[in-house]
Amino acid sequence: MSLKQLADETVAKLQKAFPNTDVSEEDRQKISRIIEQTLIKTVEQTAHAHKKATVICCGPEADMAHKISEEVKRANVALTANLSALR
């Protein structure tokens, strides 16, 4: 499931939680975008923290840490490309 789908699903759940609130389609899209940006930021921060932890814990095995770091970078590039395509 893409982050856009998760954001849209969250907006739908919010609407169900507050049924008496009249929210326009434009406002729904804005809320979805805010949620999506928050998810993107969270994923980026988590990836950075994992990368940092990998390098710290694998000091003696620097080659292994480098390989893991490169894989994380590739995953981040793919994620960023996927998210950019949603715009």
PDB file of N, CA and C in Angstrom:
ATOM      1  N   MET A   1       0.857  -1.174   0.000  1.00  0.00           N
ATOM      2  CA  MET A   1       0.000   0.000   0.000  1.00  0.00           C
ATOM      3  C   MET A   1       0.899   1.233   0.000  1.00  0.00           C
ATOM      4  N   SER A   2       0.602   2.184  -0.875  1.00  0.00           N
ATOM      5  CA  SER A   2       1.408   3.395  -0.956  1.00  0.00           C
ATOM      6  C   SER A   2       1.060   4.344   0.194  1.00  0.00           C
ATOM      7  N   LEU A   3       1.949   5.300   0.412  1.00  0.00           N
ATOM      8  CA  LEU A   3       1.696   6.282   1.470  1.00  0.00           C
ATOM      9  C   LEU A   3       0.485   7.147   1.130  1.00  0.00           C
ATOM     10  N   LYS A   4       0.261   7.377  -0.149  1.00  0.00           N
ATOM     11  CA  LYS A   4      -0.917   8.143  -0.584  1.00  0.00           C
ATOM     12  C   LYS A   4      -2.181   7.390  -0.196  1.00  0.00           C
ATOM     13  N   GLN A   5      -2.195   6.089  -0.429  1.00  0.00           N
ATOM     14  CA  GLN A   5      -3.366   5.279  -0.063  1.00  0.00           C
ATOM     15  C   GLN A   5      -3.575   5.282   1.450  1.00  0.00           C
ATOM     16  N   LEU A   6      -2.482   5.179   2.210  1.00  0.00           N
ATOM     17  CA  LEU A   6      -2.592   5.231   3.663  1.00  0.00           C
ATOM     18  C   LEU A   6      -3.153   6.575   4.124  1.00  0.00           C
ATOM     19  N   ALA A   7      -2.699   7.647   3.503  1.00  0.00           N
ATOM     20  CA  ALA A   7      -3.186   8.979   3.852  1.00  0.00           C
ATOM     21  C   ALA A   7      -4.678   9.103   3.549  1.00  0.00           C
ATOM     22  N   ASP A   8      -5.092   8.640   2.375  1.00  0.00           N
ATOM     23  CA  ASP A   8      -6.509   8.699   2.004  1.00  0.00           C
ATOM     24  C   ASP A   8      -7.362   7.849   2.939  1.00  0.00           C
ATOM     25  N   GLU A   9      -6.847   6.680   3.301  1.00  0.00           N
ATOM     26  CA  GLU A   9      -7.564   5.800   4.224  1.00  0.00           C
ATOM     27  C   GLU A   9      -7.712   6.465   5.601  1.00  0.00           C
ATOM     28  N   THR A  10      -6.674   7.154   6.025  1.00  0.00           N
ATOM     29  CA  THR A  10      -6.722   7.862   7.309  1.00  0.00           C
ATOM     30  C   THR A  10      -7.762   8.974   7.280  1.00  0.00           C
ATOM     31  N   VAL A  11      -7.840   9.697   6.185  1.00  0.00           N
ATOM     32  CA  VAL A  11      -8.852  10.748   6.053  1.00  0.00           C
ATOM     33  C   VAL A  11     -10.250  10.142   6.122  1.00  0.00           C
ATOM     34  N   ALA A  12     -10.451   9.016   5.469  1.00  0.00           N
ATOM     35  CA  ALA A  12     -11.758   8.348   5.506  1.00  0.00           C
ATOM     36  C   ALA A  12     -12.107   7.926   6.931  1.00  0.00           C
ATOM     37  N   LYS A  13     -11.131   7.423   7.672  1.00  0.00           N
ATOM     38  CA  LYS A  13     -11.367   7.027   9.054  1.00  0.00           C
ATOM     39  C   LYS A  13     -11.673   8.243   9.933  1.00  0.00           C
ATOM     40  N   LEU A  14     -11.014   9.346   9.657  1.00  0.00           N
ATOM     41  CA  LEU A  14     -11.299  10.574  10.404  1.00  0.00           C
ATOM     42  C   LEU A  14     -12.727  11.047  10.139  1.00  0.00           C
ATOM     43  N   GLN A  15     -13.153  10.934   8.896  1.00  0.00           N
ATOM     44  CA  GLN A  15     -14.527  11.326   8.558  1.00  0.00           C
ATOM     45  C   GLN A  15     -15.538  10.455   9.295  1.00  0.00           C
ATOM     46  N   LYS A  16     -15.252   9.161   9.390  1.00  0.00           N
ATOM     47  CA  LYS A  16     -16.149   8.258  10.121  1.00  0.00           C
ATOM     48  C   LYS A  16     -16.150   8.578  11.613  1.00  0.00           C
ATOM     49  N   ALA A  17     -14.985   8.984  12.131  1.00  0.00           N
ATOM     50  CA  ALA A  17     -14.879   9.301  13.556  1.00  0.00           C
ATOM     51  C   ALA A  17     -15.621  10.591  13.897  1.00  0.00           C
ATOM     52  N   PHE A  18     -15.729  11.495  12.937  1.00  0.00           N
ATOM     53  CA  PHE A  18     -16.411  12.773  13.137  1.00  0.00           C
ATOM     54  C   PHE A  18     -17.480  12.959  12.054  1.00  0.00           C
ATOM     55  N   PRO A  19     -18.555  12.178  12.127  1.00  0.00           N
ATOM     56  CA  PRO A  19     -19.558  12.177  11.059  1.00  0.00           C
ATOM     57  C   PRO A  19     -20.319  13.501  10.901  1.00  0.00           C
ATOM     58  N   ASN A  20     -20.393  14.292  11.930  1.00  0.00           N
ATOM     59  CA  ASN A  20     -21.143  15.538  11.855  1.00  0.00           C
ATOM     60  C   ASN A  20     -20.314  16.710  11.341  1.00  0.00           C
ATOM     61  N   THR A  21     -19.095  16.445  10.955  1.00  0.00           N
ATOM     62  CA  THR A  21     -18.212  17.483  10.445  1.00  0.00           C
ATOM     63  C   THR A  21     -18.322  17.529   8.926  1.00  0.00           C
ATOM     64  N   ASP A  22     -18.634  18.697   8.412  1.00  0.00           N
ATOM     65  CA  ASP A  22     -18.755  18.859   6.961  1.00  0.00           C
ATOM     66  C   ASP A  22     -17.401  19.294   6.403  1.00  0.00           C
ATOM     67  N   VAL A  23     -16.760  18.400   5.671  1.00  0.00           N
ATOM     68  CA  VAL A  23     -15.446  18.675   5.107  1.00  0.00           C
ATOM     69  C   VAL A  23     -15.560  18.608   3.590  1.00  0.00           C
ATOM     70  N   SER A  24     -15.104  19.670   2.938  1.00  0.00           N
ATOM     71  CA  SER A  24     -15.173  19.709   1.480  1.00  0.00           C
ATOM     72  C   SER A  24     -14.120  18.782   0.870  1.00  0.00           C
ATOM     73  N   GLU A  25     -14.296  18.481  -0.399  1.00  0.00           N
ATOM     74  CA  GLU A  25     -13.336  17.626  -1.100  1.00  0.00           C
ATOM     75  C   GLU A  25     -11.955  18.281  -1.109  1.00  0.00           C
ATOM     76  N   GLU A  26     -11.919  19.578  -1.273  1.00  0.00           N
ATOM     77  CA  GLU A  26     -10.646  20.306  -1.273  1.00  0.00           C
ATOM     78  C   GLU A  26      -9.944  20.160   0.083  1.00  0.00           C
ATOM     79  N   ASP A  27     -10.718  20.296   1.164  1.00  0.00           N
ATOM     80  CA  ASP A  27     -10.143  20.135   2.502  1.00  0.00           C
ATOM     81  C   ASP A  27      -9.685  18.701   2.737  1.00  0.00           C
ATOM     82  N   ARG A  28     -10.430  17.718   2.224  1.00  0.00           N
ATOM     83  CA  ARG A  28     -10.027  16.322   2.352  1.00  0.00           C
ATOM     84  C   ARG A  28      -8.673  16.092   1.671  1.00  0.00           C
ATOM     85  N   GLN A  29      -8.509  16.687   0.509  1.00  0.00           N
ATOM     86  CA  GLN A  29      -7.251  16.547  -0.213  1.00  0.00           C
ATOM     87  C   GLN A  29      -6.104  17.205   0.549  1.00  0.00           C
ATOM     88  N   LYS A  30      -6.374  18.355   1.153  1.00  0.00           N
ATOM     89  CA  LYS A  30      -5.343  19.032   1.944  1.00  0.00           C
ATOM     90  C   LYS A  30      -4.946  18.195   3.158  1.00  0.00           C
ATOM     91  N   ILE A  31      -5.945  17.640   3.833  1.00  0.00           N
ATOM     92  CA  ILE A  31      -5.672  16.800   5.004  1.00  0.00           C
ATOM     93  C   ILE A  31      -4.879  15.567   4.579  1.00  0.00           C
ATOM     94  N   SER A  32      -5.269  14.963   3.472  1.00  0.00           N
ATOM     95  CA  SER A  32      -4.563  13.787   2.966  1.00  0.00           C
ATOM     96  C   SER A  32      -3.105  14.131   2.657  1.00  0.00           C
ATOM     97  N   ARG A  33      -2.890  15.277   2.065  1.00  0.00           N
ATOM     98  CA  ARG A  33      -1.525  15.715   1.710  1.00  0.00           C
ATOM     99  C   ARG A  33      -0.685  15.928   2.979  1.00  0.00           C
ATOM    100  N   ILE A  34      -1.282  16.527   4.007  1.00  0.00           N
ATOM    101  CA  ILE A  34      -0.576  16.741   5.272  1.00  0.00           C
ATOM    102  C   ILE A  34      -0.180  15.400   5.882  1.00  0.00           C
ATOM    103  N   ILE A  35      -1.108  14.463   5.874  1.00  0.00           N
ATOM    104  CA  ILE A  35      -0.824  13.130   6.420  1.00  0.00           C
ATOM    105  C   ILE A  35       0.273  12.452   5.600  1.00  0.00           C
ATOM    106  N   GLU A  36       0.181  12.556   4.293  1.00  0.00           N
ATOM    107  CA  GLU A  36       1.177  11.947   3.413  1.00  0.00           C
ATOM    108  C   GLU A  36       2.564  12.533   3.678  1.00  0.00           C
ATOM    109  N   GLN A  37       2.659  13.854   3.817  1.00  0.00           N
ATOM    110  CA  GLN A  37       3.945  14.493   4.092  1.00  0.00           C
ATOM    111  C   GLN A  37       4.499  14.061   5.444  1.00  0.00           C
ATOM    112  N   THR A  38       3.617  13.879   6.416  1.00  0.00           N
ATOM    113  CA  THR A  38       4.047  13.406   7.731  1.00  0.00           C
ATOM    114  C   THR A  38       4.594  11.992   7.634  1.00  0.00           C
ATOM    115  N   LEU A  39       3.926  11.139   6.875  1.00  0.00           N
ATOM    116  CA  LEU A  39       4.410   9.773   6.680  1.00  0.00           C
ATOM    117  C   LEU A  39       5.764   9.765   5.972  1.00  0.00           C
ATOM    118  N   ILE A  40       5.923  10.599   4.968  1.00  0.00           N
ATOM    119  CA  ILE A  40       7.192  10.690   4.241  1.00  0.00           C
ATOM    120  C   ILE A  40       8.310  11.090   5.194  1.00  0.00           C
ATOM    121  N   LYS A  41       8.046  12.117   5.993  1.00  0.00           N
ATOM    122  CA  LYS A  41       9.050  12.593   6.947  1.00  0.00           C
ATOM    123  C   LYS A  41       9.410  11.494   7.942  1.00  0.00           C
ATOM    124  N   THR A  42       8.416  10.758   8.404  1.00  0.00           N
ATOM    125  CA  THR A  42       8.649   9.672   9.354  1.00  0.00           C
ATOM    126  C   THR A  42       9.502   8.578   8.732  1.00  0.00           C
ATOM    127  N   VAL A  43       9.202   8.205   7.500  1.00  0.00           N
ATOM    128  CA  VAL A  43       9.980   7.171   6.812  1.00  0.00           C
ATOM    129  C   VAL A  43      11.425   7.634   6.626  1.00  0.00           C
ATOM    130  N   GLU A  44      11.614   8.878   6.237  1.00  0.00           N
ATOM    131  CA  GLU A  44      12.971   9.403   6.032  1.00  0.00           C
ATOM    132  C   GLU A  44      13.757   9.421   7.343  1.00  0.00           C
ATOM    133  N   GLN A  45      13.117   9.864   8.424  1.00  0.00           N
ATOM    134  CA  GLN A  45      13.794   9.898   9.719  1.00  0.00           C
ATOM    135  C   GLN A  45      14.139   8.497  10.201  1.00  0.00           C
ATOM    136  N   THR A  46      13.235   7.568  10.000  1.00  0.00           N
ATOM    137  CA  THR A  46      13.479   6.184  10.409  1.00  0.00           C
ATOM    138  C   THR A  46      14.634   5.585   9.611  1.00  0.00           C
ATOM    139  N   ALA A  47      14.651   5.816   8.323  1.00  0.00           N
ATOM    140  CA  ALA A  47      15.731   5.301   7.484  1.00  0.00           C
ATOM    141  C   ALA A  47      17.071   5.884   7.920  1.00  0.00           C
ATOM    142  N   HIS A  48      17.083   7.167   8.231  1.00  0.00           N
ATOM    143  CA  HIS A  48      18.324   7.813   8.683  1.00  0.00           C
ATOM    144  C   HIS A  48      18.797   7.206  10.007  1.00  0.00           C
ATOM    145  N   ALA A  49      17.862   6.994  10.933  1.00  0.00           N
ATOM    146  CA  ALA A  49      18.217   6.407  12.231  1.00  0.00           C
ATOM    147  C   ALA A  49      18.747   4.987  12.062  1.00  0.00           C
ATOM    148  N   HIS A  50      18.126   4.212  11.175  1.00  0.00           N
ATOM    149  CA  HIS A  50      18.588   2.845  10.934  1.00  0.00           C
ATOM    150  C   HIS A  50      19.972   2.836  10.297  1.00  0.00           C
ATOM    151  N   LYS A  51      20.191   3.746   9.384  1.00  0.00           N
ATOM    152  CA  LYS A  51      21.502   3.833   8.738  1.00  0.00           C
ATOM    153  C   LYS A  51      22.574   4.170   9.772  1.00  0.00           C
ATOM    154  N   LYS A  52      22.274   5.147  10.612  1.00  0.00           N
ATOM    155  CA  LYS A  52      23.226   5.571  11.639  1.00  0.00           C
ATOM    156  C   LYS A  52      23.529   4.410  12.599  1.00  0.00           C
ATOM    157  N   ALA A  53      22.487   3.707  13.026  1.00  0.00           N
ATOM    158  CA  ALA A  53      22.668   2.579  13.938  1.00  0.00           C
ATOM    159  C   ALA A  53      23.472   1.475  13.282  1.00  0.00           C
ATOM    160  N   THR A  54      23.240   1.238  12.013  1.00  0.00           N
ATOM    161  CA  THR A  54      23.966   0.193  11.289  1.00  0.00           C
ATOM    162  C   THR A  54      25.458   0.501  11.251  1.00  0.00           C
ATOM    163  N   VAL A  55      25.804   1.732  10.978  1.00  0.00           N
ATOM    164  CA  VAL A  55      27.210   2.118  10.899  1.00  0.00           C
ATOM    165  C   VAL A  55      27.866   2.022  12.281  1.00  0.00           C
ATOM    166  N   ILE A  56      27.154   2.443  13.318  1.00  0.00           N
ATOM    167  CA  ILE A  56      27.703   2.402  14.673  1.00  0.00           C
ATOM    168  C   ILE A  56      27.915   0.963  15.130  1.00  0.00           C
ATOM    169  N   CYS A  57      26.928   0.111  14.965  1.00  0.00           N
ATOM    170  CA  CYS A  57      27.013  -1.259  15.501  1.00  0.00           C
ATOM    171  C   CYS A  57      27.953  -2.146  14.708  1.00  0.00           C
ATOM    172  N   CYS A  58      28.227  -1.795  13.499  1.00  0.00           N
ATOM    173  CA  CYS A  58      29.027  -2.674  12.642  1.00  0.00           C
ATOM    174  C   CYS A  58      30.411  -2.099  12.362  1.00  0.00           C
ATOM    175  N   GLY A  59      30.963  -1.368  13.312  1.00  0.00           N
ATOM    176  CA  GLY A  59      32.283  -0.759  13.135  1.00  0.00           C
ATOM    177  C   GLY A  59      33.322  -1.714  12.594  1.00  0.00           C
ATOM    178  N   PRO A  60      33.553  -2.855  13.274  1.00  0.00           N
ATOM    179  CA  PRO A  60      34.573  -3.794  12.784  1.00  0.00           C
ATOM    180  C   PRO A  60      34.220  -4.406  11.428  1.00  0.00           C
ATOM    181  N   GLU A  61      32.964  -4.513  11.157  1.00  0.00           N
ATOM    182  CA  GLU A  61      32.533  -5.073   9.875  1.00  0.00           C
ATOM    183  C   GLU A  61      32.103  -3.940   8.945  1.00  0.00           C
ATOM    184  N   ALA A  62      33.001  -3.017   8.713  1.00  0.00           N
ATOM    185  CA  ALA A  62      32.680  -1.821   7.935  1.00  0.00           C
ATOM    186  C   ALA A  62      32.148  -2.163   6.543  1.00  0.00           C
ATOM    187  N   ASP A  63      32.675  -3.221   5.937  1.00  0.00           N
ATOM    188  CA  ASP A  63      32.206  -3.603   4.610  1.00  0.00           C
ATOM    189  C   ASP A  63      30.734  -3.998   4.650  1.00  0.00           C
ATOM    190  N   MET A  64      30.339  -4.738   5.683  1.00  0.00           N
ATOM    191  CA  MET A  64      28.942  -5.139   5.840  1.00  0.00           C
ATOM    192  C   MET A  64      28.070  -3.902   6.067  1.00  0.00           C
ATOM    193  N   ALA A  65      28.531  -3.007   6.912  1.00  0.00           N
ATOM    194  CA  ALA A  65      27.781  -1.782   7.180  1.00  0.00           C
ATOM    195  C   ALA A  65      27.627  -0.959   5.905  1.00  0.00           C
ATOM    196  N   HIS A  66      28.700  -0.919   5.104  1.00  0.00           N
ATOM    197  CA  HIS A  66      28.647  -0.174   3.844  1.00  0.00           C
ATOM    198  C   HIS A  66      27.616  -0.790   2.897  1.00  0.00           C
ATOM    199  N   LYS A  67      27.597  -2.108   2.813  1.00  0.00           N
ATOM    200  CA  LYS A  67      26.631  -2.786   1.945  1.00  0.00           C
ATOM    201  C   LYS A  67      25.198  -2.521   2.412  1.00  0.00           C
ATOM    202  N   ILE A  68      24.985  -2.590   3.710  1.00  0.00           N
ATOM    203  CA  ILE A  68      23.645  -2.319   4.249  1.00  0.00           C
ATOM    204  C   ILE A  68      23.263  -0.876   3.984  1.00  0.00           C
ATOM    205  N   SER A  69      24.209   0.030   4.186  1.00  0.00           N
ATOM    206  CA  SER A  69      23.959   1.454   3.948  1.00  0.00           C
ATOM    207  C   SER A  69      23.581   1.705   2.488  1.00  0.00           C
ATOM    208  N   GLU A  70      24.294   1.063   1.577  1.00  0.00           N
ATOM    209  CA  GLU A  70      23.988   1.228   0.151  1.00  0.00           C
ATOM    210  C   GLU A  70      22.594   0.698  -0.176  1.00  0.00           C
ATOM    211  N   GLU A  71      22.225  -0.416   0.426  1.00  0.00           N
ATOM    212  CA  GLU A  71      20.886  -0.974   0.195  1.00  0.00           C
ATOM    213  C   GLU A  71      19.812  -0.020   0.722  1.00  0.00           C
ATOM    214  N   VAL A  72      20.062   0.569   1.875  1.00  0.00           N
ATOM    215  CA  VAL A  72      19.118   1.538   2.453  1.00  0.00           C
ATOM    216  C   VAL A  72      18.997   2.750   1.524  1.00  0.00           C
ATOM    217  N   LYS A  73      20.119   3.211   1.001  1.00  0.00           N
ATOM    218  CA  LYS A  73      20.089   4.351   0.078  1.00  0.00           C
ATOM    219  C   LYS A  73      19.254   4.032  -1.161  1.00  0.00           C
ATOM    220  N   ARG A  74      19.458   2.830  -1.720  1.00  0.00           N
ATOM    221  CA  ARG A  74      18.686   2.429  -2.904  1.00  0.00           C
ATOM    222  C   ARG A  74      17.192   2.383  -2.584  1.00  0.00           C
ATOM    223  N   ALA A  75      16.858   1.863  -1.405  1.00  0.00           N
ATOM    224  CA  ALA A  75      15.450   1.799  -1.005  1.00  0.00           C
ATOM    225  C   ALA A  75      14.878   3.201  -0.841  1.00  0.00           C
ATOM    226  N   ASN A  76      15.666   4.119  -0.295  1.00  0.00           N
ATOM    227  CA  ASN A  76      15.203   5.499  -0.130  1.00  0.00           C
ATOM    228  C   ASN A  76      14.995   6.184  -1.471  1.00  0.00           C
ATOM    229  N   VAL A  77      15.896   5.933  -2.413  1.00  0.00           N
ATOM    230  CA  VAL A  77      15.747   6.517  -3.748  1.00  0.00           C
ATOM    231  C   VAL A  77      14.467   5.998  -4.401  1.00  0.00           C
ATOM    232  N   ALA A  78      14.225   4.702  -4.280  1.00  0.00           N
ATOM    233  CA  ALA A  78      13.010   4.123  -4.856  1.00  0.00           C
ATOM    234  C   ALA A  78      11.767   4.698  -4.182  1.00  0.00           C
ATOM    235  N   LEU A  79      11.812   4.832  -2.863  1.00  0.00           N
ATOM    236  CA  LEU A  79      10.681   5.404  -2.130  1.00  0.00           C
ATOM    237  C   LEU A  79      10.434   6.843  -2.552  1.00  0.00           C
ATOM    238  N   THR A  80      11.487   7.629  -2.639  1.00  0.00           N
ATOM    239  CA  THR A  80      11.353   9.029  -3.042  1.00  0.00           C
ATOM    240  C   THR A  80      10.768   9.140  -4.450  1.00  0.00           C
ATOM    241  N   ALA A  81      11.240   8.299  -5.354  1.00  0.00           N
ATOM    242  CA  ALA A  81      10.715   8.305  -6.723  1.00  0.00           C
ATOM    243  C   ALA A  81       9.233   7.940  -6.724  1.00  0.00           C
ATOM    244  N   ASN A  82       8.872   6.941  -5.940  1.00  0.00           N
ATOM    245  CA  ASN A  82       7.472   6.523  -5.834  1.00  0.00           C
ATOM    246  C   ASN A  82       6.607   7.645  -5.285  1.00  0.00           C
ATOM    247  N   LEU A  83       7.094   8.298  -4.247  1.00  0.00           N
ATOM    248  CA  LEU A  83       6.322   9.378  -3.639  1.00  0.00           C
ATOM    249  C   LEU A  83       6.230  10.594  -4.558  1.00  0.00           C
ATOM    250  N   SER A  84       7.306  10.881  -5.283  1.00  0.00           N
ATOM    251  CA  SER A  84       7.282  12.005  -6.208  1.00  0.00           C
ATOM    252  C   SER A  84       6.278  11.773  -7.324  1.00  0.00           C
ATOM    253  N   ALA A  85       6.104  10.525  -7.703  1.00  0.00           N
ATOM    254  CA  ALA A  85       5.150  10.189  -8.767  1.00  0.00           C
ATOM    255  C   ALA A  85       3.714  10.435  -8.326  1.00  0.00           C
ATOM    256  N   LEU A  86       3.490  10.475  -7.017  1.00  0.00           N
ATOM    257  CA  LEU A  86       2.134  10.698  -6.508  1.00  0.00           C
ATOM    258  C   LEU A  86       1.691  12.151  -6.646  1.00  0.00           C
ATOM    259  N   ARG A  87       2.642  13.042  -6.778  1.00  0.00           N
ATOM    260  CA  ARG A  87       2.316  14.480  -6.822  1.00  0.00           C
ATOM    261  C   ARG A  87       1.639  14.871  -8.083  1.00  0.00           C
TER     262      ARG A  87
END
